[in-house]
C-alpha atoms as a PDB file:
ATOM      1  CA  MET A   1     -10.080  28.739   3.868  1.00  0.00           C
ATOM      2  CA  GLN A   2     -10.167  26.406   6.808  1.00  0.00           C
ATOM      3  CA  THR A   3      -8.505  26.699  10.218  1.00  0.00           C
ATOM      4  CA  PHE A   4      -7.362  23.802  12.397  1.00  0.00           C
ATOM      5  CA  VAL A   5      -6.120  24.239  15.956  1.00  0.00           C
ATOM      6  CA  LEU A   6      -3.559  21.594  16.853  1.00  0.00           C
ATOM      7  CA  ALA A   7      -1.213  20.930  19.783  1.00  0.00           C
ATOM      8  CA  GLY A   8       1.671  18.490  19.597  1.00  0.00           C
ATOM      9  CA  GLY A   9       4.496  19.604  21.844  1.00  0.00           C
ATOM     10  CA  CYS A  10       6.292  22.909  21.493  1.00  0.00           C
ATOM     11  CA  PHE A  11       4.455  25.212  19.111  1.00  0.00           C
ATOM     12  CA  TRP A  12       7.730  26.276  17.484  1.00  0.00           C
ATOM     13  CA  CYS A  13       7.992  22.893  15.739  1.00  0.00           C
ATOM     14  CA  LEU A  14       4.429  22.842  14.447  1.00  0.00           C
ATOM     15  CA  ASP A  15       4.764  26.432  13.272  1.00  0.00           C
ATOM     16  CA  ALA A  16       8.036  25.678  11.457  1.00  0.00           C
ATOM     17  CA  VAL A  17       6.651  22.623   9.670  1.00  0.00           C
ATOM     18  CA  TYR A  18       3.312  24.047   8.552  1.00  0.00           C
ATOM     19  CA  ARG A  19       4.949  27.198   7.156  1.00  0.00           C
ATOM     20  CA  THR A  20       6.799  25.000   4.625  1.00  0.00           C
ATOM     21  CA  LEU A  21       3.605  23.691   3.005  1.00  0.00           C
ATOM     22  CA  GLU A  22       1.830  24.952  -0.110  1.00  0.00           C
ATOM     23  CA  GLY A  23      -1.651  26.232   0.604  1.00  0.00           C
ATOM     24  CA  VAL A  24      -0.936  27.169   4.216  1.00  0.00           C
ATOM     25  CA  HIS A  25      -1.731  30.865   4.417  1.00  0.00           C
ATOM     26  CA  ASP A  26      -1.004  31.507   8.067  1.00  0.00           C
ATOM     27  CA  VAL A  27       0.216  29.827  11.226  1.00  0.00           C
ATOM     28  CA  VAL A  28      -0.350  31.473  14.584  1.00  0.00           C
ATOM     29  CA  SER A  29       1.168  30.147  17.808  1.00  0.00           C
ATOM     30  CA  GLY A  30      -0.946  30.432  20.922  1.00  0.00           C
ATOM     31  CA  TYR A  31      -2.599  28.852  23.909  1.00  0.00           C
ATOM     32  CA  THR A  32      -5.927  27.051  24.327  1.00  0.00           C
ATOM     33  CA  GLY A  33      -7.591  24.282  26.281  1.00  0.00           C
ATOM     34  CA  GLY A  34      -7.154  25.815  29.718  1.00  0.00           C
ATOM     35  CA  THR A  35      -9.023  27.933  32.202  1.00  0.00           C
ATOM     36  CA  THR A  36      -6.666  30.847  32.885  1.00  0.00           C
ATOM     37  CA  LYS A  37      -7.610  34.102  31.192  1.00  0.00           C
ATOM     38  CA  TYR A  38      -4.866  35.998  29.357  1.00  0.00           C
ATOM     39  CA  PRO A  39      -2.207  33.316  29.714  1.00  0.00           C
ATOM     40  CA  ASP A  40       1.375  34.114  28.825  1.00  0.00           C
ATOM     41  CA  TYR A  41       4.319  31.879  28.055  1.00  0.00           C
ATOM     42  CA  GLU A  42       5.689  31.933  31.592  1.00  0.00           C
ATOM     43  CA  SER A  43       2.357  30.952  33.176  1.00  0.00           C
ATOM     44  CA  VAL A  44       1.634  28.248  30.588  1.00  0.00           C
ATOM     45  CA  CYS A  45       5.105  26.772  31.186  1.00  0.00           C
ATOM     46  CA  THR A  46       4.200  26.173  34.837  1.00  0.00           C
ATOM     47  CA  GLY A  47       1.604  23.618  33.731  1.00  0.00           C
ATOM     48  CA  THR A  48      -0.996  25.145  36.036  1.00  0.00           C
ATOM     49  CA  THR A  49      -3.118  27.027  33.468  1.00  0.00           C
ATOM     50  CA  GLY A  50      -4.501  23.962  31.701  1.00  0.00           C
ATOM     51  CA  HIS A  51      -3.525  25.488  28.365  1.00  0.00           C
ATOM     52  CA  ALA A  52      -1.606  23.683  25.640  1.00  0.00           C
ATOM     53  CA  GLU A  53       0.906  25.297  23.327  1.00  0.00           C
ATOM     54  CA  ALA A  54      -0.949  25.103  20.023  1.00  0.00           C
ATOM     55  CA  VAL A  55      -1.045  26.478  16.501  1.00  0.00           C
ATOM     56  CA  LYS A  56      -3.841  27.773  14.323  1.00  0.00           C
ATOM     57  CA  VAL A  57      -3.166  26.533  10.805  1.00  0.00           C
ATOM     58  CA  VAL A  58      -5.077  28.487   8.147  1.00  0.00           C
ATOM     59  CA  PHE A  59      -5.038  26.696   4.805  1.00  0.00           C
ATOM     60  CA  ASP A  60      -6.686  26.505   1.397  1.00  0.00           C
ATOM     61  CA  GLU A  61      -8.242  23.075   0.838  1.00  0.00           C
ATOM     62  CA  THR A  62      -8.108  23.569  -2.921  1.00  0.00           C
ATOM     63  CA  VAL A  63      -4.302  23.520  -2.639  1.00  0.00           C
ATOM     64  CA  ILE A  64      -3.682  21.111   0.253  1.00  0.00           C
ATOM     65  CA  PRO A  65      -6.321  18.678   1.504  1.00  0.00           C
ATOM     66  CA  ALA A  66      -7.422  18.819   5.128  1.00  0.00           C
ATOM     67  CA  SER A  67      -6.429  15.163   5.452  1.00  0.00           C
ATOM     68  CA  VAL A  68      -2.826  16.063   4.572  1.00  0.00           C
ATOM     69  CA  ILE A  69      -2.733  18.846   7.178  1.00  0.00           C
ATOM     70  CA  LEU A  70      -3.889  16.304   9.753  1.00  0.00           C
ATOM     71  CA  ASP A  71      -1.597  13.505   8.578  1.00  0.00           C
ATOM     72  CA  VAL A  72       1.347  15.901   8.840  1.00  0.00           C
ATOM     73  CA  PHE A  73       0.275  16.620  12.414  1.00  0.00           C
ATOM     74  CA  PHE A  74       0.431  12.936  13.314  1.00  0.00           C
ATOM     75  CA  SER A  75       3.766  12.561  11.480  1.00  0.00           C
ATOM     76  CA  LEU A  76       5.610  15.400  13.164  1.00  0.00           C
ATOM     77  CA  HIS A  77       5.077  14.404  16.790  1.00  0.00           C
ATOM     78  CA  ASP A  78       4.605  11.196  18.768  1.00  0.00           C
ATOM     79  CA  PRO A  79       0.887  11.006  19.624  1.00  0.00           C
ATOM     80  CA  ARG A  80       1.552   8.158  22.063  1.00  0.00           C
ATOM     81  CA  GLU A  81       3.406  10.349  24.559  1.00  0.00           C
ATOM     82  CA  LEU A  82       1.166  11.635  27.335  1.00  0.00           C
ATOM     83  CA  ASN A  83       1.810  15.259  28.297  1.00  0.00           C
ATOM     84  CA  ARG A  84       5.234  15.433  26.679  1.00  0.00           C
ATOM     85  CA  GLN A  85       7.230  15.501  23.487  1.00  0.00           C
ATOM     86  CA  GLY A  86      10.826  14.453  23.978  1.00  0.00           C
ATOM     87  CA  ASN A  87      12.361  16.590  26.714  1.00  0.00           C
ATOM     88  CA  ASP A  88       9.379  18.974  26.770  1.00  0.00           C
ATOM     89  CA  VAL A  89       7.300  17.669  29.685  1.00  0.00           C
ATOM     90  CA  GLY A  90       3.977  18.902  31.039  1.00  0.00           C
ATOM     91  CA  THR A  91       0.316  19.173  30.084  1.00  0.00           C
ATOM     92  CA  GLN A  92       1.164  22.250  28.003  1.00  0.00           C
ATOM     93  CA  TYR A  93       2.953  19.885  25.575  1.00  0.00           C
ATOM     94  CA  ARG A  94       0.086  17.415  25.211  1.00  0.00           C
ATOM     95  CA  SER A  95      -1.119  16.026  21.915  1.00  0.00           C
ATOM     96  CA  ALA A  96      -4.516  17.592  21.266  1.00  0.00           C
ATOM     97  CA  MET A  97      -6.869  18.697  18.522  1.00  0.00           C
ATOM     98  CA  PHE A  98      -9.422  21.436  19.131  1.00  0.00           C
ATOM     99  CA  TYR A  99     -12.454  21.411  16.828  1.00  0.00           C
ATOM    100  CA  ALA A 100     -14.615  24.374  15.860  1.00  0.00           C
ATOM    101  CA  ASP A 101     -17.627  22.344  14.666  1.00  0.00           C
ATOM    102  CA  ASP A 102     -18.932  18.795  14.216  1.00  0.00           C
ATOM    103  CA  GLU A 103     -17.387  18.471  10.746  1.00  0.00           C
ATOM    104  CA  GLN A 104     -13.929  19.229  12.125  1.00  0.00           C
ATOM    105  CA  LYS A 105     -14.514  16.842  15.007  1.00  0.00           C
ATOM    106  CA  GLN A 106     -15.248  14.063  12.513  1.00  0.00           C
ATOM    107  CA  GLN A 107     -12.163  14.942  10.438  1.00  0.00           C
ATOM    108  CA  PHE A 108     -10.028  14.805  13.592  1.00  0.00           C
ATOM    109  CA  VAL A 109     -11.441  11.418  14.644  1.00  0.00           C
ATOM    110  CA  GLU A 110     -10.783  10.007  11.167  1.00  0.00           C
ATOM    111  CA  ALA A 111      -7.212  11.362  11.188  1.00  0.00           C
ATOM    112  CA  ARG A 112      -6.562   9.872  14.627  1.00  0.00           C
ATOM    113  CA  ASP A 113      -7.902   6.528  13.384  1.00  0.00           C
ATOM    114  CA  ARG A 114      -5.593   6.678  10.342  1.00  0.00           C
ATOM    115  CA  ALA A 115      -2.659   7.493  12.602  1.00  0.00           C
ATOM    116  CA  ALA A 116      -3.457   4.536  14.870  1.00  0.00           C
ATOM    117  CA  GLU A 117      -2.705   2.247  11.921  1.00  0.00           C
ATOM    118  CA  TYR A 118       0.773   3.781  11.631  1.00  0.00           C
ATOM    119  CA  TRP A 119       1.807   4.167  15.273  1.00  0.00           C
ATOM    120  CA  ASP A 120       2.378   1.168  17.537  1.00  0.00           C
ATOM    121  CA  GLY A 121       0.750   1.603  20.903  1.00  0.00           C
ATOM    122  CA  GLY A 122      -2.162   3.678  22.034  1.00  0.00           C
ATOM    123  CA  ILE A 123      -2.591   7.192  20.754  1.00  0.00           C
ATOM    124  CA  VAL A 124      -3.314   9.643  23.584  1.00  0.00           C
ATOM    125  CA  THR A 125      -4.265  12.614  21.386  1.00  0.00           C
ATOM    126  CA  THR A 126      -7.352  14.281  22.795  1.00  0.00           C
ATOM    127  CA  ILE A 127     -10.083  15.793  20.644  1.00  0.00           C
ATOM    128  CA  SER A 128     -11.887  18.645  22.367  1.00  0.00           C
ATOM    129  CA  GLU A 129     -14.110  21.549  21.484  1.00  0.00           C
ATOM    130  CA  LEU A 130     -12.159  24.725  20.835  1.00  0.00           C
ATOM    131  CA  GLY A 131     -12.573  27.198  23.646  1.00  0.00           C
ATOM    132  CA  THR A 132     -10.976  30.588  23.930  1.00  0.00           C
ATOM    133  CA  TRP A 133      -7.822  31.087  21.888  1.00  0.00           C
ATOM    134  CA  TRP A 134      -5.008  33.309  23.108  1.00  0.00           C
ATOM    135  CA  ASP A 135      -2.250  34.407  20.712  1.00  0.00           C
ATOM    136  CA  ALA A 136       1.248  33.751  22.016  1.00  0.00           C
ATOM    137  CA  GLU A 137       3.658  36.631  22.382  1.00  0.00           C
ATOM    138  CA  ASP A 138       5.087  38.116  19.182  1.00  0.00           C
ATOM    139  CA  TYR A 139       8.520  36.571  19.693  1.00  0.00           C
ATOM    140  CA  HIS A 140       6.948  33.080  19.425  1.00  0.00           C
ATOM    141  CA  GLN A 141       5.412  33.779  16.007  1.00  0.00           C
ATOM    142  CA  ASN A 142       7.468  32.263  13.167  1.00  0.00           C
ATOM    143  CA  PHE A 143      10.150  31.505  15.777  1.00  0.00           C
ATOM    144  CA  PHE A 144      12.119  29.012  13.674  1.00  0.00           C
ATOM    145  CA  ALA A 145      12.580  31.428  10.765  1.00  0.00           C
ATOM    146  CA  LYS A 146      13.623  34.223  13.127  1.00  0.00           C
ATOM    147  CA  ASN A 147      16.014  31.990  15.126  1.00  0.00           C
ATOM    148  CA  PRO A 148      17.366  29.294  12.775  1.00  0.00           C
ATOM    149  CA  ASN A 149      20.614  28.866  14.720  1.00  0.00           C
ATOM    150  CA  GLN A 150      19.009  28.656  18.157  1.00  0.00           C
ATOM    151  CA  GLY A 151      19.845  25.329  19.851  1.00  0.00           C
ATOM    152  CA  TYR A 152      16.276  24.032  20.154  1.00  0.00           C
ATOM    153  CA  CYS A 153      15.556  24.915  16.536  1.00  0.00           C
ATOM    154  CA  LEU A 154      18.635  23.047  15.307  1.00  0.00           C
ATOM    155  CA  ALA A 155      18.188  20.002  17.541  1.00  0.00           C
ATOM    156  CA  VAL A 156      14.408  19.567  17.561  1.00  0.00           C
ATOM    157  CA  ALA A 157      12.566  21.702  14.992  1.00  0.00           C
ATOM    158  CA  LEU A 158      14.918  21.317  12.014  1.00  0.00           C
ATOM    159  CA  PRO A 159      14.804  17.487  11.958  1.00  0.00           C
ATOM    160  CA  LYS A 160      10.988  17.661  11.967  1.00  0.00           C
ATOM    161  CA  VAL A 161      10.981  20.151   9.098  1.00  0.00           C
ATOM    162  CA  ILE A 162      13.355  17.929   7.105  1.00  0.00           C
ATOM    163  CA  LYS A 163      11.251  14.826   7.807  1.00  0.00           C
ATOM    164  CA  ILE A 164       8.020  16.471   6.639  1.00  0.00           C
ATOM    165  CA  ARG A 165       9.691  18.020   3.568  1.00  0.00           C
ATOM    166  CA  LYS A 166      10.807  14.543   2.565  1.00  0.00           C
ATOM    167  CA  SER A 167       7.586  12.694   3.413  1.00  0.00           C
ATOM    168  CA  TYR A 168       5.237  15.322   1.953  1.00  0.00           C
ATOM    169  CA  ALA A 169       7.449  16.681  -0.855  1.00  0.00           C
ATOM    170  CA  LYS A 170       4.427  17.104  -3.144  1.00  0.00           C
ATOM    171  CA  TYR A 171       3.097  19.825  -0.813  1.00  0.00           C
ATOM    172  CA  VAL A 172       6.320  21.635   0.084  1.00  0.00           C
ATOM    173  CA  LEU A 173       6.735  25.242  -1.006  1.00  0.00           C
ATOM    174  CA  ALA A 174       9.256  25.782  -3.768  1.00  0.00           C
ATOM    175  CA  SER A 175      12.411  27.411  -2.425  1.00  0.00           C
END
């Protein structure tokens, strides 16, 4: 098993997308990249903690390659937007990858380079060493599945899930 920590806007969208893929064993929403100890959703939303909304994606590389996990990441958000994704604005919504070791760092750099060939304009995704991870509150875990009719889920998360299901159909869980 391998774990990647990725931030690309609201963690609800990343969580929703990765849960649809074969070989993904767990997705945990949380906060990392900041300096505040024991951050919570309200404090992270102020943009003063330095933390990003992120997900830990735990996956089996014998089922889904690490490169696919990373390519999905660059497909489901716009890595050219600095400190925002759509209407979600602030450093907590930045595009970032947090590596656990040098091998992951290299994988992240290679994925960002691949993505640069696809996206017009400069990619602003940062690649940083993983610091302390803080799990988000329980109500944020698997939010899309628990709240499928919530406005944000319908307007923002669902289109991303549909896009990835179509683009990466080979890796989508059977319904």
